[in-house]
Amino acid sequence: MVKVALVGVLSGLALAVVEGGQETAPAAHFHHVHLNAVDPPRAIDFYTKTFDSEKAKFLSRIDAVWANASWLLFTKVDAPPPWEPVSAIWHIGWGAEDMKAEYQKQVDRGTRFFTQLTDISDLTRTPGFFYAYVEGPDRALIELNTASHHHFGHVHLFSEDPVAAAEWYMKHLGATRRSTLPLSREVRTYRGLQVGPAASLFLDDVNVIIFPAQHSRQAYPEYWKEGQTALAPTKGRVIDHLGFSFDNLAEAVDRMKQDGVKVTEDVHAVAGGALKIAYIEGPDQTRIELVEGRAAKP
């Protein structure tokens, strides 16, 4: 069964523009992806050996992965975390200039694939467009796809209402849209799977793609538990949350409170005062960490 992917690259802007030309507050910056792992050192080795990324010290003290101006951070857990693609965070992705060659290289080195090499040129309208899903540590899904680069490039989400979710990310995080056309609620299908409504957004050069939750129900019915009617909360899963940063965190959180965003943890300092963070709940019970200060490799 085909699991569909879309990708893109665009630099973030200082201000975002939502539908109708209204400017939002200064844009957030993509900061990190936070994963739960039974064996973080092993996970770090996997990402740095399999994809374009490197070992580095977050805050000069925490072992992590530095991937194209963003972090992959890990929390050690005692038991394998839930991984099934039934939450709002579907997968993260790297590009490949020659996807066929990259896929074969990964196969030869023993990389495990959840989804084999698949041609979706007719969907993307790009000749020779391929993708595949790598099965990472703790069964995290990582996409490799045809791109003009080979670095960490996207996060793919599910939503019960992709249009509303996109508007939320634009309003509160200053995400920019890939397309200049109005967001559409048209239902679209591809090879029997629903792929629209959908949205493609950017924060810095990270593409945040949003697909309808119905795609998950159709593509992965075996992972939806009996009685489950909505996407599962991301907290505690293999990809636990996404991190975005602001230059002035307190100001950003105050603005979100006024706009009715659910703040689950108010601004506080961690790591001996080295970092200020807060947590909010995004669309479809997506856990989101807000950080003060942009991602930077020490």
Protein backbone atom coordinates (compact mmCIF):
# COMPACT_ATOMS: atom_id res chain seq x y z
CA MET A 1 0.00 0.00 0.00
CA VAL A 2 1.38 3.42 -0.96
CA LYS A 3 2.16 5.94 1.77
CA VAL A 4 2.42 9.34 0.11
CA ALA A 5 4.98 12.11 0.72
CA LEU A 6 5.54 15.71 -0.37
CA VAL A 7 8.65 17.82 0.19
CA GLY A 8 10.14 21.26 -0.42
CA VAL A 9 12.73 23.81 0.63
CA LEU A 10 12.32 27.51 1.44
CA SER A 11 13.96 29.91 3.86
CA GLY A 12 11.91 31.30 6.77
CA LEU A 13 10.85 34.92 6.82
CA ALA A 14 10.91 37.46 9.64
CA LEU A 15 7.16 37.98 9.32
CA ALA A 16 4.51 35.57 8.13
CA VAL A 17 1.42 36.45 6.11
CA VAL A 18 -1.84 34.58 6.64
CA GLU A 19 -4.85 34.39 4.33
CA GLY A 20 -6.09 37.87 3.42
CA GLY A 21 -2.68 39.53 3.79
CA GLN A 22 -2.74 39.96 7.57
CA GLU A 23 0.69 39.97 9.20
CA THR A 24 1.31 37.84 12.25
CA ALA A 25 3.84 38.28 15.03
CA PRO A 26 7.53 37.58 14.31
CA ALA A 27 8.02 34.02 13.12
CA ALA A 28 9.33 31.23 15.26
CA HIS A 29 12.34 29.24 14.11
CA PHE A 30 12.50 25.47 13.80
CA HIS A 31 14.58 24.26 16.73
CA HIS A 32 14.38 20.49 17.26
CA VAL A 33 12.67 17.13 17.03
CA HIS A 34 12.50 15.34 20.37
CA LEU A 35 12.40 11.55 20.43
CA ASN A 36 12.02 8.93 23.13
CA ALA A 37 14.60 6.14 22.91
CA VAL A 38 15.40 3.02 24.88
CA ASP A 39 19.08 3.48 24.01
CA PRO A 40 19.87 7.13 23.12
CA PRO A 41 23.59 6.54 22.34
CA ARG A 42 22.61 3.81 19.87
CA ALA A 43 19.96 6.08 18.34
CA ILE A 44 22.48 8.90 17.96
CA ASP A 45 24.90 6.52 16.26
CA PHE A 46 22.15 5.38 13.90
CA TYR A 47 21.13 8.87 12.76
CA THR A 48 24.67 10.12 12.30
CA LYS A 49 25.77 7.03 10.37
CA THR A 50 22.63 6.74 8.24
CA PHE A 51 21.80 10.36 7.35
CA ASP A 52 23.58 13.64 6.77
CA SER A 53 23.99 14.73 10.41
CA GLU A 54 26.63 14.76 13.13
CA LYS A 55 27.08 14.13 16.83
CA ALA A 56 27.13 17.31 18.89
CA LYS A 57 26.54 18.56 22.42
CA PHE A 58 23.28 20.41 22.96
CA LEU A 59 23.94 23.27 25.40
CA SER A 60 27.53 21.99 25.30
CA ARG A 61 26.56 19.17 27.67
CA ILE A 62 23.86 16.86 26.26
CA ASP A 63 24.63 14.24 23.59
CA ALA A 64 22.46 14.92 20.57
CA VAL A 65 22.34 15.04 16.76
CA TRP A 66 22.93 18.22 14.79
CA ALA A 67 21.11 18.08 11.45
CA ASN A 68 21.09 21.04 9.09
CA ALA A 69 20.68 23.81 11.67
CA SER A 70 18.24 21.79 13.80
CA TRP A 71 18.62 19.37 16.69
CA LEU A 72 17.47 15.83 17.25
CA LEU A 73 17.18 15.43 21.03
CA PHE A 74 16.56 12.21 22.93
CA THR A 75 15.02 11.20 26.24
CA LYS A 76 15.87 7.76 27.62
CA VAL A 77 12.84 5.57 28.36
CA ASP A 78 12.75 2.15 29.98
CA ALA A 79 10.35 0.52 27.52
CA PRO A 80 9.90 0.90 23.76
CA PRO A 81 7.60 3.89 23.17
CA PRO A 82 4.50 3.66 20.96
CA TRP A 83 5.53 4.20 17.36
CA GLU A 84 2.49 3.40 15.21
CA PRO A 85 1.63 6.19 12.71
CA VAL A 86 -1.64 7.13 14.40
CA SER A 87 -0.64 10.43 16.04
CA ALA A 88 -0.26 13.90 14.57
CA ILE A 89 3.51 13.43 13.99
CA TRP A 90 3.82 10.93 11.15
CA HIS A 91 7.54 11.04 10.29
CA ILE A 92 10.62 13.20 9.75
CA GLY A 93 12.59 13.26 6.50
CA TRP A 94 15.89 13.70 4.70
CA GLY A 95 16.43 14.44 1.02
CA ALA A 96 18.45 12.58 -1.61
CA GLU A 97 19.62 14.00 -4.92
CA ASP A 98 19.69 10.51 -6.46
CA MET A 99 17.04 8.60 -4.57
CA LYS A 100 17.53 5.31 -6.40
CA ALA A 101 21.25 5.31 -5.64
CA GLU A 102 20.68 6.36 -2.02
CA TYR A 103 18.10 3.63 -1.52
CA GLN A 104 20.44 0.98 -2.89
CA LYS A 105 23.29 2.27 -0.71
CA GLN A 106 21.07 1.99 2.36
CA VAL A 107 19.91 -1.50 1.42
CA ASP A 108 23.52 -2.61 0.94
CA ARG A 109 24.48 -1.33 4.39
CA GLY A 110 21.58 -3.18 6.01
CA THR A 111 19.21 -0.31 6.71
CA ARG A 112 15.70 -1.57 7.46
CA PHE A 113 12.83 -0.09 5.47
CA PHE A 114 9.21 0.18 6.58
CA THR A 115 8.19 1.18 3.04
CA GLN A 116 10.28 0.22 0.03
CA LEU A 117 11.33 2.51 -2.83
CA THR A 118 8.16 3.95 -4.40
CA ASP A 119 7.66 6.14 -7.46
CA ILE A 120 5.09 8.93 -6.97
CA SER A 121 6.08 11.09 -9.94
CA ASP A 122 2.46 11.27 -11.05
CA LEU A 123 1.45 12.80 -7.72
CA THR A 124 4.30 15.31 -7.41
CA ARG A 125 4.36 16.04 -11.16
CA THR A 126 8.12 15.68 -10.92
CA PRO A 127 9.65 12.98 -13.16
CA GLY A 128 11.71 10.48 -11.21
CA PHE A 129 10.32 11.37 -7.79
CA PHE A 130 10.82 8.50 -5.33
CA TYR A 131 10.49 8.00 -1.60
CA ALA A 132 10.94 5.27 1.00
CA TYR A 133 10.49 5.06 4.77
CA VAL A 134 13.41 3.94 6.89
CA GLU A 135 12.61 2.14 10.13
CA GLY A 136 14.75 3.88 12.71
CA PRO A 137 15.52 3.13 16.36
CA ASP A 138 12.39 2.28 18.37
CA ARG A 139 10.64 2.07 14.97
CA ALA A 140 10.62 5.80 14.31
CA LEU A 141 9.72 6.49 10.69
CA ILE A 142 12.23 8.51 8.66
CA GLU A 143 11.54 9.35 5.04
CA LEU A 144 14.13 9.52 2.29
CA ASN A 145 12.86 11.26 -0.81
CA THR A 146 13.99 12.83 -4.06
CA ALA A 147 15.19 16.37 -3.38
CA SER A 148 17.77 18.95 -4.40
CA HIS A 149 19.66 18.28 -1.16
CA HIS A 150 20.57 15.43 1.18
CA HIS A 151 19.95 17.02 4.58
CA PHE A 152 17.16 16.98 7.17
CA GLY A 153 14.35 18.75 5.39
CA HIS A 154 10.83 18.03 6.56
CA VAL A 155 8.32 16.95 9.17
CA HIS A 156 5.10 15.29 8.01
CA LEU A 157 1.99 15.64 10.16
CA PHE A 158 -1.55 14.29 10.22
CA SER A 159 -4.57 16.39 11.17
CA GLU A 160 -8.31 15.95 11.44
CA ASP A 161 -8.53 19.40 9.83
CA PRO A 162 -5.37 20.20 7.84
CA VAL A 163 -6.62 23.65 6.85
CA ALA A 164 -7.33 24.70 10.43
CA ALA A 165 -4.00 23.20 11.54
CA ALA A 166 -2.11 25.14 8.87
CA GLU A 167 -3.82 28.35 9.90
CA TRP A 168 -2.83 27.65 13.52
CA TYR A 169 0.85 27.19 12.63
CA MET A 170 0.79 30.35 10.53
CA LYS A 171 -0.92 32.46 13.18
CA HIS A 172 0.97 31.33 16.26
CA LEU A 173 4.37 30.28 14.88
CA GLY A 174 4.57 32.50 11.82
CA ALA A 175 4.91 29.59 9.39
CA THR A 176 4.82 30.55 5.72
CA ARG A 177 2.99 28.72 2.97
CA ARG A 178 4.64 27.08 0.01
CA SER A 179 1.74 27.93 -2.30
CA THR A 180 0.23 31.33 -3.05
CA LEU A 181 -3.16 29.75 -3.77
CA PRO A 182 -5.84 29.86 -1.04
CA LEU A 183 -6.00 26.86 1.26
CA SER A 184 -8.52 24.39 -0.11
CA ARG A 185 -10.80 21.95 1.70
CA GLU A 186 -11.22 19.86 -1.44
CA VAL A 187 -11.02 16.13 -0.71
CA ARG A 188 -8.42 14.53 -2.98
CA THR A 189 -7.34 10.91 -3.30
CA TYR A 190 -4.31 9.18 -4.77
CA ARG A 191 -4.21 5.44 -5.39
CA GLY A 192 -7.14 4.98 -3.05
CA LEU A 193 -5.71 7.09 -0.21
CA GLN A 194 -6.92 10.53 0.82
CA VAL A 195 -4.21 13.16 0.33
CA GLY A 196 -6.29 16.32 0.63
CA PRO A 197 -7.08 18.71 2.12
CA ALA A 198 -3.40 19.25 2.76
CA ALA A 199 -0.96 22.06 3.45
CA SER A 200 2.75 22.68 2.98
CA LEU A 201 4.39 25.19 5.32
CA PHE A 202 7.91 26.36 6.13
CA LEU A 203 9.76 27.43 9.24
CA ASP A 204 13.25 28.38 8.14
CA ASP A 205 14.18 25.65 5.62
CA VAL A 206 12.16 22.90 7.30
CA ASN A 207 9.03 21.94 5.38
CA VAL A 208 6.06 21.12 7.63
CA ILE A 209 3.55 19.09 5.60
CA ILE A 210 0.06 18.36 6.88
CA PHE A 211 -2.07 15.49 5.54
CA PRO A 212 -5.61 14.48 6.51
CA ALA A 213 -5.92 11.98 9.36
CA GLN A 214 -8.09 9.90 7.05
CA HIS A 215 -4.92 9.01 5.15
CA SER A 216 -3.60 7.30 8.27
CA ARG A 217 -6.87 5.43 8.79
CA GLN A 218 -6.76 4.16 5.21
CA ALA A 219 -3.04 3.44 4.94
CA TYR A 220 -2.50 1.97 8.42
CA PRO A 221 -5.83 0.43 9.51
CA GLU A 222 -4.05 -2.35 11.39
CA TYR A 223 -2.56 0.19 13.82
CA TRP A 224 -5.80 1.95 14.75
CA LYS A 225 -7.09 0.39 17.96
CA GLU A 226 -10.68 -0.67 18.27
CA GLY A 227 -12.69 2.31 19.40
CA GLN A 228 -9.97 4.85 18.53
CA THR A 229 -11.68 7.77 16.82
CA ALA A 230 -9.04 10.51 16.97
CA LEU A 231 -5.31 10.88 16.52
CA ALA A 232 -3.36 9.84 19.61
CA PRO A 233 -1.51 12.48 21.68
CA THR A 234 2.14 12.70 20.64
CA LYS A 235 3.45 12.90 24.21
CA GLY A 236 5.21 9.68 25.17
CA ARG A 237 5.45 8.36 21.63
CA VAL A 238 8.67 7.67 19.74
CA ILE A 239 8.51 11.19 18.26
CA ASP A 240 7.36 12.99 21.37
CA HIS A 241 7.27 16.61 20.26
CA LEU A 242 8.57 19.35 18.02
CA GLY A 243 10.54 22.36 19.22
CA PHE A 244 10.34 25.93 17.94
CA SER A 245 12.22 28.96 19.21
CA PHE A 246 11.57 32.65 19.76
CA ASP A 247 14.02 35.39 20.55
CA ASN A 248 11.72 36.53 23.38
CA LEU A 249 9.96 33.48 24.82
CA ALA A 250 7.94 35.21 27.56
CA GLU A 251 6.51 37.66 25.06
CA ALA A 252 5.60 34.86 22.64
CA VAL A 253 3.91 32.77 25.35
CA ASP A 254 1.94 35.77 26.67
CA ARG A 255 0.68 36.45 23.17
CA MET A 256 -0.38 32.83 22.75
CA LYS A 257 -2.23 32.88 26.07
CA GLN A 258 -4.17 35.92 24.93
CA ASP A 259 -5.03 34.05 21.72
CA GLY A 260 -6.35 31.06 23.66
CA VAL A 261 -3.50 28.63 23.00
CA LYS A 262 -3.31 25.91 25.65
CA VAL A 263 -0.08 26.34 27.62
CA THR A 264 0.70 23.05 29.36
CA GLU A 265 3.94 24.25 31.01
CA ASP A 266 4.64 27.93 31.51
CA VAL A 267 8.02 29.53 30.92
CA HIS A 268 10.71 28.07 33.17
CA ALA A 269 14.45 27.51 33.16
CA VAL A 270 16.10 24.10 32.73
CA ALA A 271 19.64 22.73 32.51
CA GLY A 272 20.83 24.78 35.45
CA GLY A 273 19.34 27.95 34.03
CA ALA A 274 21.01 27.55 30.64
CA LEU A 275 17.73 27.39 28.72
CA LYS A 276 14.24 28.83 29.02
CA ILE A 277 11.40 26.67 27.71
CA ALA A 278 7.62 26.28 27.74
CA TYR A 279 5.19 23.71 26.37
CA ILE A 280 1.97 24.27 24.48
CA GLU A 281 -0.56 21.96 22.84
CA GLY A 282 -0.82 22.29 19.09
CA PRO A 283 -3.48 20.96 16.73
CA ASP A 284 -4.49 17.32 17.16
CA GLN A 285 -2.83 17.01 20.58
CA THR A 286 0.63 17.72 19.19
CA ARG A 287 3.09 18.42 21.97
CA ILE A 288 5.15 21.51 21.15
CA GLU A 289 8.12 22.86 23.07
CA LEU A 290 8.95 26.56 22.82
CA VAL A 291 12.56 27.57 23.42
CA GLU A 292 14.23 30.93 23.87
CA GLY A 293 17.07 31.44 21.44
CA ARG A 294 17.75 29.88 18.05
CA ALA A 295 19.28 26.49 17.50
CA ALA A 296 23.04 26.66 17.26
CA LYS A 297 25.81 24.10 17.27
CA PRO A 298 28.38 24.81 20.00
